[in-house]
Amino acid sequence: MKRTNQVSLKPLENGQIWQVRDANLHIELVGKRLVHYKFYKPQTKRAPISLSAKLVLEKYLKQSKAVLLQG
């Protein structure tokens, strides 16, 4: 059998901040299937709130090898 290395992420929760390359992704509100989040660079004063499916956002965080800064 072949083993694959899978990066396991912590479950998405309100208030988490993930570092993705040179930007941050701040989780605002986690629902049953959708997530409200802000994606911004550290020096940005205001960032728009985006809405995405939970599975899509988790897949993006895994692919980009995001790091949890604050949980």
C-alpha atoms as a PDB file:
ATOM      1  CA  MET A   1       0.000   0.000   0.000  1.00  0.00           C
ATOM      2  CA  LYS A   2       1.083   3.494  -0.738  1.00  0.00           C
ATOM      3  CA  ARG A   3       0.901   6.146   1.965  1.00  0.00           C
ATOM      4  CA  THR A   4       0.188   9.742   1.187  1.00  0.00           C
ATOM      5  CA  ASN A   5       1.157  12.597   3.439  1.00  0.00           C
ATOM      6  CA  GLN A   6      -1.912  14.612   4.214  1.00  0.00           C
ATOM      7  CA  VAL A   7      -1.750  17.892   6.051  1.00  0.00           C
ATOM      8  CA  SER A   8      -4.519  17.995   8.602  1.00  0.00           C
ATOM      9  CA  LEU A   9      -5.926  21.381   9.467  1.00  0.00           C
ATOM     10  CA  LYS A  10      -7.682  22.395  12.626  1.00  0.00           C
ATOM     11  CA  PRO A  11     -11.425  22.851  12.183  1.00  0.00           C
ATOM     12  CA  LEU A  12     -12.428  26.340  11.111  1.00  0.00           C
ATOM     13  CA  GLU A  13     -13.589  28.491  14.021  1.00  0.00           C
ATOM     14  CA  ASN A  14     -14.645  32.106  14.510  1.00  0.00           C
ATOM     15  CA  GLY A  15     -11.723  34.481  15.038  1.00  0.00           C
ATOM     16  CA  GLN A  16      -8.969  32.356  13.489  1.00  0.00           C
ATOM     17  CA  ILE A  17      -6.223  34.071  11.502  1.00  0.00           C
ATOM     18  CA  TRP A  18      -4.383  32.050   8.859  1.00  0.00           C
ATOM     19  CA  GLN A  19      -1.210  33.211   7.131  1.00  0.00           C
ATOM     20  CA  VAL A  20      -1.224  32.476   3.405  1.00  0.00           C
ATOM     21  CA  ARG A  21       2.042  33.495   1.735  1.00  0.00           C
ATOM     22  CA  ASP A  22       2.257  37.289   2.244  1.00  0.00           C
ATOM     23  CA  ALA A  23      -1.388  37.822   3.237  1.00  0.00           C
ATOM     24  CA  ASN A  24      -3.708  36.916   6.097  1.00  0.00           C
ATOM     25  CA  LEU A  25      -7.114  35.290   6.070  1.00  0.00           C
ATOM     26  CA  HIS A  26      -9.315  36.191   9.056  1.00  0.00           C
ATOM     27  CA  ILE A  27     -12.295  33.905   9.720  1.00  0.00           C
ATOM     28  CA  GLU A  28     -15.258  36.046  10.779  1.00  0.00           C
ATOM     29  CA  LEU A  29     -18.165  33.616  11.057  1.00  0.00           C
ATOM     30  CA  VAL A  30     -18.406  29.870  10.485  1.00  0.00           C
ATOM     31  CA  GLY A  31     -21.794  28.408   9.666  1.00  0.00           C
ATOM     32  CA  LYS A  32     -22.970  24.929   8.823  1.00  0.00           C
ATOM     33  CA  ARG A  33     -21.758  25.059   5.212  1.00  0.00           C
ATOM     34  CA  LEU A  34     -20.530  28.613   4.601  1.00  0.00           C
ATOM     35  CA  VAL A  35     -17.724  30.780   5.981  1.00  0.00           C
ATOM     36  CA  HIS A  36     -17.497  34.590   6.123  1.00  0.00           C
ATOM     37  CA  TYR A  37     -13.863  35.717   5.961  1.00  0.00           C
ATOM     38  CA  LYS A  38     -11.570  38.651   5.192  1.00  0.00           C
ATOM     39  CA  PHE A  39      -8.512  38.156   3.001  1.00  0.00           C
ATOM     40  CA  TYR A  40      -6.046  41.015   3.366  1.00  0.00           C
ATOM     41  CA  LYS A  41      -2.406  42.002   3.369  1.00  0.00           C
ATOM     42  CA  PRO A  42      -1.090  43.121   6.788  1.00  0.00           C
ATOM     43  CA  GLN A  43      -0.915  46.837   5.907  1.00  0.00           C
ATOM     44  CA  THR A  44      -4.436  47.030   4.481  1.00  0.00           C
ATOM     45  CA  LYS A  45      -6.791  49.116   6.589  1.00  0.00           C
ATOM     46  CA  ARG A  46     -10.064  47.624   5.375  1.00  0.00           C
ATOM     47  CA  ALA A  47     -10.795  44.400   3.572  1.00  0.00           C
ATOM     48  CA  PRO A  48     -14.095  43.259   2.084  1.00  0.00           C
ATOM     49  CA  ILE A  49     -15.908  40.349   3.690  1.00  0.00           C
ATOM     50  CA  SER A  50     -16.095  37.322   1.419  1.00  0.00           C
ATOM     51  CA  LEU A  51     -18.325  34.274   1.548  1.00  0.00           C
ATOM     52  CA  SER A  52     -17.255  30.780   0.560  1.00  0.00           C
ATOM     53  CA  ALA A  53     -18.213  27.151   1.046  1.00  0.00           C
ATOM     54  CA  LYS A  54     -16.485  25.544   4.013  1.00  0.00           C
ATOM     55  CA  LEU A  55     -15.020  22.668   1.954  1.00  0.00           C
ATOM     56  CA  VAL A  56     -13.653  25.021  -0.704  1.00  0.00           C
ATOM     57  CA  LEU A  57     -11.909  27.225   1.861  1.00  0.00           C
ATOM     58  CA  GLU A  58     -10.412  24.217   3.679  1.00  0.00           C
ATOM     59  CA  LYS A  59      -9.106  22.873   0.355  1.00  0.00           C
ATOM     60  CA  TYR A  60      -7.553  26.274  -0.446  1.00  0.00           C
ATOM     61  CA  LEU A  61      -5.829  26.447   2.949  1.00  0.00           C
ATOM     62  CA  LYS A  62      -4.380  22.955   2.465  1.00  0.00           C
ATOM     63  CA  GLN A  63      -3.132  23.680  -1.055  1.00  0.00           C
ATOM     64  CA  SER A  64      -1.507  26.939  -0.063  1.00  0.00           C
ATOM     65  CA  LYS A  65       0.025  25.399   3.099  1.00  0.00           C
ATOM     66  CA  ALA A  66      -1.499  28.042   5.352  1.00  0.00           C
ATOM     67  CA  VAL A  67      -0.265  28.486   8.926  1.00  0.00           C
ATOM     68  CA  LEU A  68      -2.621  29.184  11.831  1.00  0.00           C
ATOM     69  CA  LEU A  69      -1.436  32.350  13.593  1.00  0.00           C
ATOM     70  CA  GLN A  70      -4.228  32.893  16.109  1.00  0.00           C
ATOM     71  CA  GLY A  71      -7.010  30.507  17.059  1.00  0.00           C
END
